Amino acid sequence: MADVTVYHNPNCGSSKNALALLDELGVDYEVVLYLKTPPDRSTLERIVAGLDGPVQDLVRKDSRFEKLGLDPDAYVGRPEAVVELLSRDKALMQRPLLVRGGKAIIGRPKERIPAFVA
């Protein structure tokens, strides 16, 4: 079993950079293409519970977010709202997301990754 799970989008430069860095560091990891195989509600709840950083950072505030007319303040400090949103719309999950044990980080900037996997 891999040490780290990476929720990855192969079309994302930051996500590709995270995998390259993990390769450089010799880390054993599993890739989850979350747009094809999204995490279920219980997995999202575990990720949110172990997230290093504000829970609202797990939501991408991109053009899709704006097009849906979502309010960024609706997710501040509200893990249940983040889980609900990401359960409905997997494309709004920030990437890359790295999970190790019961902890999770968003791998942006990539300089966060080495300490997380050490």
C-alpha atoms as a PDB file:
ATOM      1  CA  MET A   1       0.000   0.000   0.000  1.00  0.00           C
ATOM      2  CA  ALA A   2       1.280   3.466  -0.903  1.00  0.00           C
ATOM      3  CA  ASP A   3       2.393   5.946   1.752  1.00  0.00           C
ATOM      4  CA  VAL A   4       0.567   8.857   0.128  1.00  0.00           C
ATOM      5  CA  THR A   5      -2.615   9.214  -1.903  1.00  0.00           C
ATOM      6  CA  VAL A   6      -2.648  12.034  -4.438  1.00  0.00           C
ATOM      7  CA  TYR A   7      -5.937  13.322  -5.797  1.00  0.00           C
ATOM      8  CA  HIS A   8      -4.721  14.331  -9.223  1.00  0.00           C
ATOM      9  CA  ASN A   9      -5.907  16.042 -12.377  1.00  0.00           C
ATOM     10  CA  PRO A  10      -3.544  15.251 -15.266  1.00  0.00           C
ATOM     11  CA  ASN A  11      -4.504  18.533 -16.966  1.00  0.00           C
ATOM     12  CA  CYS A  12      -3.239  20.601 -14.026  1.00  0.00           C
ATOM     13  CA  GLY A  13       0.361  21.812 -14.002  1.00  0.00           C
ATOM     14  CA  SER A  14       0.509  22.046 -10.207  1.00  0.00           C
ATOM     15  CA  SER A  15      -0.786  18.521  -9.920  1.00  0.00           C
ATOM     16  CA  LYS A  16       1.781  17.196 -12.412  1.00  0.00           C
ATOM     17  CA  ASN A  17       4.535  19.086 -10.550  1.00  0.00           C
ATOM     18  CA  ALA A  18       3.473  17.443  -7.290  1.00  0.00           C
ATOM     19  CA  LEU A  19       3.834  13.973  -8.805  1.00  0.00           C
ATOM     20  CA  ALA A  20       7.244  14.856 -10.246  1.00  0.00           C
ATOM     21  CA  LEU A  21       8.383  16.084  -6.828  1.00  0.00           C
ATOM     22  CA  LEU A  22       7.144  12.912  -5.138  1.00  0.00           C
ATOM     23  CA  ASP A  23       9.100  10.900  -7.722  1.00  0.00           C
ATOM     24  CA  GLU A  24      12.224  12.962  -6.981  1.00  0.00           C
ATOM     25  CA  LEU A  25      11.759  12.357  -3.266  1.00  0.00           C
ATOM     26  CA  GLY A  26      11.305   8.615  -3.800  1.00  0.00           C
ATOM     27  CA  VAL A  27       7.853   8.601  -2.197  1.00  0.00           C
ATOM     28  CA  ASP A  28       5.552   5.650  -2.810  1.00  0.00           C
ATOM     29  CA  TYR A  29       2.189   7.120  -3.810  1.00  0.00           C
ATOM     30  CA  GLU A  30      -1.148   6.155  -5.270  1.00  0.00           C
ATOM     31  CA  VAL A  31      -2.826   8.415  -7.816  1.00  0.00           C
ATOM     32  CA  VAL A  32      -6.571   8.937  -7.736  1.00  0.00           C
ATOM     33  CA  LEU A  33      -7.945  10.631 -10.831  1.00  0.00           C
ATOM     34  CA  TYR A  34     -10.661  12.320  -8.812  1.00  0.00           C
ATOM     35  CA  LEU A  35     -12.604  13.579 -11.827  1.00  0.00           C
ATOM     36  CA  LYS A  36     -13.077   9.954 -12.943  1.00  0.00           C
ATOM     37  CA  THR A  37     -13.165   8.368  -9.492  1.00  0.00           C
ATOM     38  CA  PRO A  38     -14.289  11.020  -7.025  1.00  0.00           C
ATOM     39  CA  PRO A  39     -13.976  10.455  -3.288  1.00  0.00           C
ATOM     40  CA  ASP A  40     -17.236   9.430  -1.643  1.00  0.00           C
ATOM     41  CA  ARG A  41     -18.825  11.395   1.195  1.00  0.00           C
ATOM     42  CA  SER A  42     -17.095   9.456   3.993  1.00  0.00           C
ATOM     43  CA  THR A  43     -13.696   9.888   2.318  1.00  0.00           C
ATOM     44  CA  LEU A  44     -14.339  13.617   1.933  1.00  0.00           C
ATOM     45  CA  GLU A  45     -15.297  13.825   5.609  1.00  0.00           C
ATOM     46  CA  ARG A  46     -12.006  12.155   6.601  1.00  0.00           C
ATOM     47  CA  ILE A  47     -10.023  14.459   4.289  1.00  0.00           C
ATOM     48  CA  VAL A  48     -11.727  17.566   5.662  1.00  0.00           C
ATOM     49  CA  ALA A  49     -11.183  16.405   9.255  1.00  0.00           C
ATOM     50  CA  GLY A  50      -7.443  15.952   8.632  1.00  0.00           C
ATOM     51  CA  LEU A  51      -6.868  18.974   6.405  1.00  0.00           C
ATOM     52  CA  ASP A  52      -3.933  21.183   7.341  1.00  0.00           C
ATOM     53  CA  GLY A  53      -5.328  24.629   6.708  1.00  0.00           C
ATOM     54  CA  PRO A  54      -8.700  26.278   6.403  1.00  0.00           C
ATOM     55  CA  VAL A  55     -11.415  23.934   5.151  1.00  0.00           C
ATOM     56  CA  GLN A  56     -12.633  26.489   2.608  1.00  0.00           C
ATOM     57  CA  ASP A  57      -9.275  26.217   0.815  1.00  0.00           C
ATOM     58  CA  LEU A  58     -10.330  22.763  -0.383  1.00  0.00           C
ATOM     59  CA  VAL A  59     -12.843  24.456  -2.709  1.00  0.00           C
ATOM     60  CA  ARG A  60     -11.592  25.918  -5.979  1.00  0.00           C
ATOM     61  CA  LYS A  61     -12.933  29.461  -6.393  1.00  0.00           C
ATOM     62  CA  ASP A  62     -12.563  29.431 -10.170  1.00  0.00           C
ATOM     63  CA  SER A  63     -14.796  30.383 -13.093  1.00  0.00           C
ATOM     64  CA  ARG A  64     -16.959  27.296 -12.512  1.00  0.00           C
ATOM     65  CA  PHE A  65     -17.519  28.366  -8.904  1.00  0.00           C
ATOM     66  CA  GLU A  66     -18.512  31.831 -10.086  1.00  0.00           C
ATOM     67  CA  LYS A  67     -20.710  30.484 -12.895  1.00  0.00           C
ATOM     68  CA  LEU A  68     -22.631  28.444 -10.310  1.00  0.00           C
ATOM     69  CA  GLY A  69     -23.199  31.666  -8.356  1.00  0.00           C
ATOM     70  CA  LEU A  70     -21.639  30.282  -5.189  1.00  0.00           C
ATOM     71  CA  ASP A  71     -20.667  32.479  -2.251  1.00  0.00           C
ATOM     72  CA  PRO A  72     -17.119  31.873  -0.943  1.00  0.00           C
ATOM     73  CA  ASP A  73     -18.194  32.920   2.548  1.00  0.00           C
ATOM     74  CA  ALA A  74     -20.653  30.007   2.666  1.00  0.00           C
ATOM     75  CA  TYR A  75     -17.703  27.608   3.073  1.00  0.00           C
ATOM     76  CA  VAL A  76     -15.562  29.486   5.603  1.00  0.00           C
ATOM     77  CA  GLY A  77     -15.129  27.267   8.654  1.00  0.00           C
ATOM     78  CA  ARG A  78     -17.966  24.996   7.507  1.00  0.00           C
ATOM     79  CA  PRO A  79     -16.640  21.491   6.873  1.00  0.00           C
ATOM     80  CA  GLU A  80     -20.123  20.064   6.303  1.00  0.00           C
ATOM     81  CA  ALA A  81     -20.801  22.640   3.562  1.00  0.00           C
ATOM     82  CA  VAL A  82     -17.487  21.821   1.855  1.00  0.00           C
ATOM     83  CA  VAL A  83     -18.236  18.076   1.953  1.00  0.00           C
ATOM     84  CA  GLU A  84     -21.723  18.655   0.566  1.00  0.00           C
ATOM     85  CA  LEU A  85     -20.438  20.841  -2.279  1.00  0.00           C
ATOM     86  CA  LEU A  86     -17.603  18.504  -3.258  1.00  0.00           C
ATOM     87  CA  SER A  87     -19.947  15.512  -3.086  1.00  0.00           C
ATOM     88  CA  ARG A  88     -22.098  17.207  -5.722  1.00  0.00           C
ATOM     89  CA  ASP A  89     -19.370  18.812  -7.847  1.00  0.00           C
ATOM     90  CA  LYS A  90     -16.018  17.022  -7.875  1.00  0.00           C
ATOM     91  CA  ALA A  91     -14.481  19.565 -10.278  1.00  0.00           C
ATOM     92  CA  LEU A  92     -14.489  22.154  -7.492  1.00  0.00           C
ATOM     93  CA  MET A  93     -11.988  20.193  -5.380  1.00  0.00           C
ATOM     94  CA  GLN A  94      -8.626  21.904  -5.081  1.00  0.00           C
ATOM     95  CA  ARG A  95      -5.668  20.017  -6.480  1.00  0.00           C
ATOM     96  CA  PRO A  96      -3.327  18.458  -5.934  1.00  0.00           C
ATOM     97  CA  LEU A  97      -4.596  17.031  -2.685  1.00  0.00           C
ATOM     98  CA  LEU A  98      -2.236  14.759  -0.773  1.00  0.00           C
ATOM     99  CA  VAL A  99      -3.394  12.414   1.975  1.00  0.00           C
ATOM    100  CA  ARG A 100      -1.121  10.508   4.341  1.00  0.00           C
ATOM    101  CA  GLY A 101      -2.512   8.646   7.293  1.00  0.00           C
ATOM    102  CA  GLY A 102      -5.193  10.843   8.809  1.00  0.00           C
ATOM    103  CA  LYS A 103      -3.662  14.073   7.494  1.00  0.00           C
ATOM    104  CA  ALA A 104      -4.210  15.971   4.245  1.00  0.00           C
ATOM    105  CA  ILE A 105      -2.711  18.999   2.516  1.00  0.00           C
ATOM    106  CA  ILE A 106      -3.283  20.923  -0.645  1.00  0.00           C
ATOM    107  CA  GLY A 107       0.016  20.626  -2.516  1.00  0.00           C
ATOM    108  CA  ARG A 108       0.192  24.317  -3.406  1.00  0.00           C
ATOM    109  CA  PRO A 109       2.750  25.647  -3.302  1.00  0.00           C
ATOM    110  CA  LYS A 110       4.734  22.487  -3.962  1.00  0.00           C
ATOM    111  CA  GLU A 111       7.223  23.511  -1.282  1.00  0.00           C
ATOM    112  CA  ARG A 112       4.686  22.240   1.275  1.00  0.00           C
ATOM    113  CA  ILE A 113       5.039  18.673   0.037  1.00  0.00           C
ATOM    114  CA  PRO A 114       8.494  17.563   1.294  1.00  0.00           C
ATOM    115  CA  ALA A 115       7.720  18.253   4.960  1.00  0.00           C
ATOM    116  CA  PHE A 116       4.357  16.503   4.617  1.00  0.00           C
ATOM    117  CA  VAL A 117       5.830  13.299   3.216  1.00  0.00           C
ATOM    118  CA  ALA A 118       8.949  13.226   5.442  1.00  0.00           C
END
